[in-house]
PDB file of N, CA and C in Angstrom:
ATOM      1  N   MET A   1      11.158   4.844  -7.270  1.00  0.00           N
ATOM      2  CA  MET A   1      11.580   5.887  -6.387  1.00  0.00           C
ATOM      3  C   MET A   1      12.563   5.898  -6.435  1.00  0.00           C
ATOM      4  N   GLU A   2      12.975   7.402  -5.861  1.00  0.00           N
ATOM      5  CA  GLU A   2      14.081   8.333  -6.132  1.00  0.00           C
ATOM      6  C   GLU A   2      15.148   7.687  -5.024  1.00  0.00           C
ATOM      7  N   GLN A   3      14.556   6.964  -3.281  1.00  0.00           N
ATOM      8  CA  GLN A   3      15.299   6.255  -1.819  1.00  0.00           C
ATOM      9  C   GLN A   3      15.792   4.879  -2.586  1.00  0.00           C
ATOM     10  N   GLY A   4      14.792   4.514  -3.474  1.00  0.00           N
ATOM     11  CA  GLY A   4      14.934   2.662  -3.735  1.00  0.00           C
ATOM     12  C   GLY A   4      14.459   2.299  -3.177  1.00  0.00           C
ATOM     13  N   VAL A   5      14.131   0.857  -3.673  1.00  0.00           N
ATOM     14  CA  VAL A   5      12.722  -0.223  -2.868  1.00  0.00           C
ATOM     15  C   VAL A   5      12.503  -0.337  -1.768  1.00  0.00           C
ATOM     16  N   PRO A   6      11.958  -0.432  -0.807  1.00  0.00           N
ATOM     17  CA  PRO A   6      11.743  -0.385   0.317  1.00  0.00           C
ATOM     18  C   PRO A   6      12.027  -1.956   0.660  1.00  0.00           C
ATOM     19  N   LYS A   7      12.867  -2.301   2.020  1.00  0.00           N
ATOM     20  CA  LYS A   7      13.165  -3.540   2.417  1.00  0.00           C
ATOM     21  C   LYS A   7      12.018  -4.140   3.596  1.00  0.00           C
ATOM     22  N   ARG A   8      11.211  -3.920   4.221  1.00  0.00           N
ATOM     23  CA  ARG A   8      10.110  -4.573   4.556  1.00  0.00           C
ATOM     24  C   ARG A   8       8.675  -4.671   4.440  1.00  0.00           C
ATOM     25  N   TRP A   9       7.823  -5.344   3.746  1.00  0.00           N
ATOM     26  CA  TRP A   9       6.243  -4.911   3.088  1.00  0.00           C
ATOM     27  C   TRP A   9       6.265  -5.552   4.276  1.00  0.00           C
ATOM     28  N   ARG A  10       4.613  -4.638   4.293  1.00  0.00           N
ATOM     29  CA  ARG A  10       4.049  -5.792   4.868  1.00  0.00           C
ATOM     30  C   ARG A  10       2.266  -6.065   4.572  1.00  0.00           C
ATOM     31  N   LYS A  11       1.539  -6.639   4.716  1.00  0.00           N
ATOM     32  CA  LYS A  11      -0.166  -6.577   4.274  1.00  0.00           C
ATOM     33  C   LYS A  11      -0.895  -6.557   5.329  1.00  0.00           C
ATOM     34  N   SER A  12      -2.257  -5.694   5.082  1.00  0.00           N
ATOM     35  CA  SER A  12      -3.071  -5.631   5.999  1.00  0.00           C
ATOM     36  C   SER A  12      -3.584  -6.939   6.838  1.00  0.00           C
ATOM     37  N   THR A  13      -4.126  -6.404   8.207  1.00  0.00           N
ATOM     38  CA  THR A  13      -4.313  -8.394   9.298  1.00  0.00           C
ATOM     39  C   THR A  13      -5.984  -8.871   8.308  1.00  0.00           C
ATOM     40  N   TYR A  14      -6.114  -7.794   7.902  1.00  0.00           N
ATOM     41  CA  TYR A  14      -6.951  -8.360   7.572  1.00  0.00           C
ATOM     42  C   TYR A  14      -6.892  -9.499   6.004  1.00  0.00           C
ATOM     43  N   SER A  15      -5.900  -9.652   5.088  1.00  0.00           N
ATOM     44  CA  SER A  15      -5.711  -9.799   4.318  1.00  0.00           C
ATOM     45  C   SER A  15      -5.176 -11.078   4.964  1.00  0.00           C
ATOM     46  N   GLY A  16      -6.037 -12.033   3.450  1.00  0.00           N
ATOM     47  CA  GLY A  16      -6.602 -13.756   3.557  1.00  0.00           C
ATOM     48  C   GLY A  16      -5.414 -14.188   3.119  1.00  0.00           C
ATOM     49  N   PRO A  17      -5.666 -15.693   3.396  1.00  0.00           N
ATOM     50  CA  PRO A  17      -4.246 -16.320   2.898  1.00  0.00           C
ATOM     51  C   PRO A  17      -3.465 -16.792   1.181  1.00  0.00           C
ATOM     52  N   ASN A  18      -4.478 -16.219   0.121  1.00  0.00           N
ATOM     53  CA  ASN A  18      -4.017 -16.073  -1.724  1.00  0.00           C
ATOM     54  C   ASN A  18      -3.541 -15.124  -1.620  1.00  0.00           C
ATOM     55  N   ASN A  19      -2.585 -14.046  -1.129  1.00  0.00           N
ATOM     56  CA  ASN A  19      -1.506 -13.908  -1.623  1.00  0.00           C
ATOM     57  C   ASN A  19      -2.680 -12.366  -2.224  1.00  0.00           C
ATOM     58  N   ASN A  20      -3.581 -12.422  -2.742  1.00  0.00           N
ATOM     59  CA  ASN A  20      -4.481 -10.812  -3.228  1.00  0.00           C
ATOM     60  C   ASN A  20      -4.491 -10.595  -2.516  1.00  0.00           C
ATOM     61  N   CYS A  21      -3.250  -9.273  -2.341  1.00  0.00           N
ATOM     62  CA  CYS A  21      -3.133  -7.955  -1.078  1.00  0.00           C
ATOM     63  C   CYS A  21      -2.166  -6.526  -2.229  1.00  0.00           C
ATOM     64  N   VAL A  22      -2.693  -5.597  -1.350  1.00  0.00           N
ATOM     65  CA  VAL A  22      -1.095  -4.968  -1.595  1.00  0.00           C
ATOM     66  C   VAL A  22      -1.054  -4.662   0.193  1.00  0.00           C
ATOM     67  N   GLU A  23       0.429  -4.786  -0.265  1.00  0.00           N
ATOM     68  CA  GLU A  23       1.752  -3.851   0.244  1.00  0.00           C
ATOM     69  C   GLU A  23       1.924  -2.523   0.808  1.00  0.00           C
ATOM     70  N   ILE A  24       2.207  -1.776   1.606  1.00  0.00           N
ATOM     71  CA  ILE A  24       3.301  -0.796   2.028  1.00  0.00           C
ATOM     72  C   ILE A  24       4.236  -0.991   2.869  1.00  0.00           C
ATOM     73  N   ALA A  25       4.953  -0.359   2.644  1.00  0.00           N
ATOM     74  CA  ALA A  25       6.548  -0.059   3.526  1.00  0.00           C
ATOM     75  C   ALA A  25       6.652   1.363   4.495  1.00  0.00           C
ATOM     76  N   ASP A  26       6.463   0.733   5.327  1.00  0.00           N
ATOM     77  CA  ASP A  26       7.100   2.493   6.347  1.00  0.00           C
ATOM     78  C   ASP A  26       8.534   2.790   6.072  1.00  0.00           C
ATOM     79  N   GLY A  27       9.507   3.741   6.220  1.00  0.00           N
ATOM     80  CA  GLY A  27      10.568   4.326   6.473  1.00  0.00           C
ATOM     81  C   GLY A  27      11.297   5.080   4.982  1.00  0.00           C
ATOM     82  N   SER A  28       9.927   5.540   4.040  1.00  0.00           N
ATOM     83  CA  SER A  28      10.755   6.217   3.263  1.00  0.00           C
ATOM     84  C   SER A  28       9.998   7.537   3.513  1.00  0.00           C
ATOM     85  N   LEU A  29      11.357   8.307   3.854  1.00  0.00           N
ATOM     86  CA  LEU A  29      10.257   9.556   4.189  1.00  0.00           C
ATOM     87  C   LEU A  29       9.642  10.555   3.013  1.00  0.00           C
ATOM     88  N   GLY A  30       7.945  11.163   4.003  1.00  0.00           N
ATOM     89  CA  GLY A  30       7.422  11.166   3.068  1.00  0.00           C
ATOM     90  C   GLY A  30       6.470  10.944   2.164  1.00  0.00           C
ATOM     91  N   VAL A  31       6.130   9.899   2.305  1.00  0.00           N
ATOM     92  CA  VAL A  31       6.199   8.541   1.104  1.00  0.00           C
ATOM     93  C   VAL A  31       5.374   7.266   1.251  1.00  0.00           C
ATOM     94  N   ILE A  32       4.246   7.275   1.144  1.00  0.00           N
ATOM     95  CA  ILE A  32       4.128   5.756   1.755  1.00  0.00           C
ATOM     96  C   ILE A  32       3.418   4.550   0.535  1.00  0.00           C
ATOM     97  N   PRO A  33       5.276   4.374  -0.143  1.00  0.00           N
ATOM     98  CA  PRO A  33       4.841   3.095  -1.244  1.00  0.00           C
ATOM     99  C   PRO A  33       3.996   1.849  -1.191  1.00  0.00           C
ATOM    100  N   VAL A  34       3.161   1.753  -2.454  1.00  0.00           N
ATOM    101  CA  VAL A  34       2.450   0.540  -2.472  1.00  0.00           C
ATOM    102  C   VAL A  34       2.501  -0.536  -3.428  1.00  0.00           C
ATOM    103  N   ARG A  35       2.786  -1.435  -3.354  1.00  0.00           N
ATOM    104  CA  ARG A  35       2.928  -2.674  -4.101  1.00  0.00           C
ATOM    105  C   ARG A  35       1.590  -3.533  -4.559  1.00  0.00           C
ATOM    106  N   ASP A  36       1.695  -4.420  -5.284  1.00  0.00           N
ATOM    107  CA  ASP A  36       0.714  -5.402  -5.595  1.00  0.00           C
ATOM    108  C   ASP A  36       1.328  -6.666  -5.244  1.00  0.00           C
ATOM    109  N   SER A  37       1.118  -7.577  -3.822  1.00  0.00           N
ATOM    110  CA  SER A  37       1.467  -8.630  -3.490  1.00  0.00           C
ATOM    111  C   SER A  37       2.128  -9.736  -4.330  1.00  0.00           C
ATOM    112  N   LYS A  38       1.006 -10.159  -5.461  1.00  0.00           N
ATOM    113  CA  LYS A  38       1.283 -11.524  -6.947  1.00  0.00           C
ATOM    114  C   LYS A  38       2.400 -10.546  -7.643  1.00  0.00           C
ATOM    115  N   ASP A  39       3.359  -9.427  -7.139  1.00  0.00           N
ATOM    116  CA  ASP A  39       3.864  -9.142  -8.527  1.00  0.00           C
ATOM    117  C   ASP A  39       5.043  -8.641  -7.744  1.00  0.00           C
ATOM    118  N   PRO A  40       5.636  -8.552  -6.525  1.00  0.00           N
ATOM    119  CA  PRO A  40       6.599  -8.590  -5.684  1.00  0.00           C
ATOM    120  C   PRO A  40       8.292  -7.362  -6.615  1.00  0.00           C
ATOM    121  N   ASP A  41       8.814  -8.425  -7.329  1.00  0.00           N
ATOM    122  CA  ASP A  41       9.370  -7.597  -8.602  1.00  0.00           C
ATOM    123  C   ASP A  41       8.682  -6.523  -9.605  1.00  0.00           C
ATOM    124  N   GLY A  42       7.230  -5.653  -9.699  1.00  0.00           N
ATOM    125  CA  GLY A  42       6.334  -5.058  -9.819  1.00  0.00           C
ATOM    126  C   GLY A  42       6.742  -4.116  -9.421  1.00  0.00           C
ATOM    127  N   PRO A  43       6.240  -2.990  -9.944  1.00  0.00           N
ATOM    128  CA  PRO A  43       6.325  -1.169 -10.390  1.00  0.00           C
ATOM    129  C   PRO A  43       5.854  -1.041  -8.283  1.00  0.00           C
ATOM    130  N   VAL A  44       5.955  -0.258  -8.218  1.00  0.00           N
ATOM    131  CA  VAL A  44       5.598   0.602  -6.429  1.00  0.00           C
ATOM    132  C   VAL A  44       5.360   2.038  -7.205  1.00  0.00           C
ATOM    133  N   LEU A  45       3.841   1.901  -6.993  1.00  0.00           N
ATOM    134  CA  LEU A  45       3.827   3.527  -6.533  1.00  0.00           C
ATOM    135  C   LEU A  45       3.666   4.208  -4.995  1.00  0.00           C
ATOM    136  N   ALA A  46       3.957   6.130  -5.340  1.00  0.00           N
ATOM    137  CA  ALA A  46       4.398   6.539  -4.342  1.00  0.00           C
ATOM    138  C   ALA A  46       2.793   7.022  -4.287  1.00  0.00           C
ATOM    139  N   PHE A  47       2.347   6.847  -2.322  1.00  0.00           N
ATOM    140  CA  PHE A  47       1.453   8.416  -2.142  1.00  0.00           C
ATOM    141  C   PHE A  47       2.788   9.630  -1.634  1.00  0.00           C
ATOM    142  N   THR A  48       1.852  10.238  -1.581  1.00  0.00           N
ATOM    143  CA  THR A  48       1.787  10.965   0.280  1.00  0.00           C
ATOM    144  C   THR A  48       1.625  10.532   1.467  1.00  0.00           C
ATOM    145  N   GLU A  49       1.891  10.740   2.590  1.00  0.00           N
ATOM    146  CA  GLU A  49       1.046   9.974   3.771  1.00  0.00           C
ATOM    147  C   GLU A  49      -0.497  10.877   3.230  1.00  0.00           C
ATOM    148  N   ASN A  50       0.049  12.194   2.905  1.00  0.00           N
ATOM    149  CA  ASN A  50      -2.402  13.032   3.491  1.00  0.00           C
ATOM    150  C   ASN A  50      -3.111  12.211   2.543  1.00  0.00           C
ATOM    151  N   ALA A  51      -2.638  12.039   1.075  1.00  0.00           N
ATOM    152  CA  ALA A  51      -3.077  11.661   0.203  1.00  0.00           C
ATOM    153  C   ALA A  51      -3.833   9.209   0.754  1.00  0.00           C
ATOM    154  N   PHE A  52      -2.378   8.892   1.453  1.00  0.00           N
ATOM    155  CA  PHE A  52      -3.209   8.007   1.188  1.00  0.00           C
ATOM    156  C   PHE A  52      -4.053   7.203   2.830  1.00  0.00           C
ATOM    157  N   SER A  53      -3.794   8.501   3.468  1.00  0.00           N
ATOM    158  CA  SER A  53      -4.736   8.693   4.691  1.00  0.00           C
ATOM    159  C   SER A  53      -5.410   8.820   4.071  1.00  0.00           C
ATOM    160  N   ASP A  54      -6.356   9.566   3.047  1.00  0.00           N
ATOM    161  CA  ASP A  54      -7.773  10.067   2.981  1.00  0.00           C
ATOM    162  C   ASP A  54      -8.097   8.870   2.131  1.00  0.00           C
ATOM    163  N   PHE A  55      -7.423   8.254   1.018  1.00  0.00           N
ATOM    164  CA  PHE A  55      -7.259   6.907   0.137  1.00  0.00           C
ATOM    165  C   PHE A  55      -8.000   6.131   1.725  1.00  0.00           C
ATOM    166  N   VAL A  56      -7.775   5.501   2.680  1.00  0.00           N
ATOM    167  CA  VAL A  56      -8.123   4.472   3.395  1.00  0.00           C
ATOM    168  C   VAL A  56      -8.875   5.130   4.339  1.00  0.00           C
ATOM    169  N   ALA A  57      -8.995   6.596   3.846  1.00  0.00           N
ATOM    170  CA  ALA A  57     -10.218   6.840   4.561  1.00  0.00           C
ATOM    171  C   ALA A  57     -11.892   6.708   4.415  1.00  0.00           C
ATOM    172  N   ALA A  58     -11.681   6.911   3.311  1.00  0.00           N
ATOM    173  CA  ALA A  58     -12.578   6.824   1.666  1.00  0.00           C
ATOM    174  C   ALA A  58     -12.416   5.945   1.790  1.00  0.00           C
ATOM    175  N   ILE A  59     -11.825   4.375   1.934  1.00  0.00           N
ATOM    176  CA  ILE A  59     -12.560   3.398   2.130  1.00  0.00           C
ATOM    177  C   ILE A  59     -13.168   2.934   3.240  1.00  0.00           C
ATOM    178  N   LYS A  60     -12.717   3.379   4.641  1.00  0.00           N
ATOM    179  CA  LYS A  60     -14.058   3.076   5.979  1.00  0.00           C
ATOM    180  C   LYS A  60     -14.969   3.610   5.515  1.00  0.00           C
ATOM    181  N   ASP A  61     -15.615   4.929   4.054  1.00  0.00           N
ATOM    182  CA  ASP A  61     -16.018   5.839   5.107  1.00  0.00           C
ATOM    183  C   ASP A  61     -17.717   4.717   3.774  1.00  0.00           C
ATOM    184  N   GLY A  62     -17.574   3.509   2.939  1.00  0.00           N
ATOM    185  CA  GLY A  62     -17.620   3.316   1.981  1.00  0.00           C
ATOM    186  C   GLY A  62     -17.798   3.938   0.790  1.00  0.00           C
ATOM    187  N   GLN A  63     -16.796   4.098   0.598  1.00  0.00           N
ATOM    188  CA  GLN A  63     -16.747   5.257  -0.896  1.00  0.00           C
ATOM    189  C   GLN A  63     -16.613   4.276  -1.855  1.00  0.00           C
ATOM    190  N   PHE A  64     -16.057   3.216  -1.689  1.00  0.00           N
ATOM    191  CA  PHE A  64     -15.509   2.087  -3.053  1.00  0.00           C
ATOM    192  C   PHE A  64     -16.362   1.256  -2.735  1.00  0.00           C
ATOM    193  N   PRO A  65     -17.508   0.708  -3.868  1.00  0.00           N
ATOM    194  CA  PRO A  65     -18.458  -0.496  -3.441  1.00  0.00           C
ATOM    195  C   PRO A  65     -16.785  -2.026  -4.337  1.00  0.00           C
ATOM    196  N   GLY A  66     -18.000  -2.297  -2.978  1.00  0.00           N
ATOM    197  CA  GLY A  66     -16.333  -3.801  -2.997  1.00  0.00           C
ATOM    198  C   GLY A  66     -15.413  -3.985  -1.357  1.00  0.00           C
ATOM    199  N   THR A  67     -15.291  -3.103  -1.988  1.00  0.00           N
ATOM    200  CA  THR A  67     -14.270  -3.557   0.174  1.00  0.00           C
ATOM    201  C   THR A  67     -14.737  -3.566   0.851  1.00  0.00           C
TER     202      THR A  67
END
């Protein structure tokens, strides 16, 4: 990400205590940074706001078995 690594990450309130989640960060203009909570120094994926919204909607709609 050209704007640098976000400083404040957050997990879903649905996440359990096992740290087996994805985290997102706010504050990056036009993108939603996403990372694996088990590997906070690992790679960061950057999704457009529309792509991330579509992904969340698909999860809520049950399009991904096991979620």
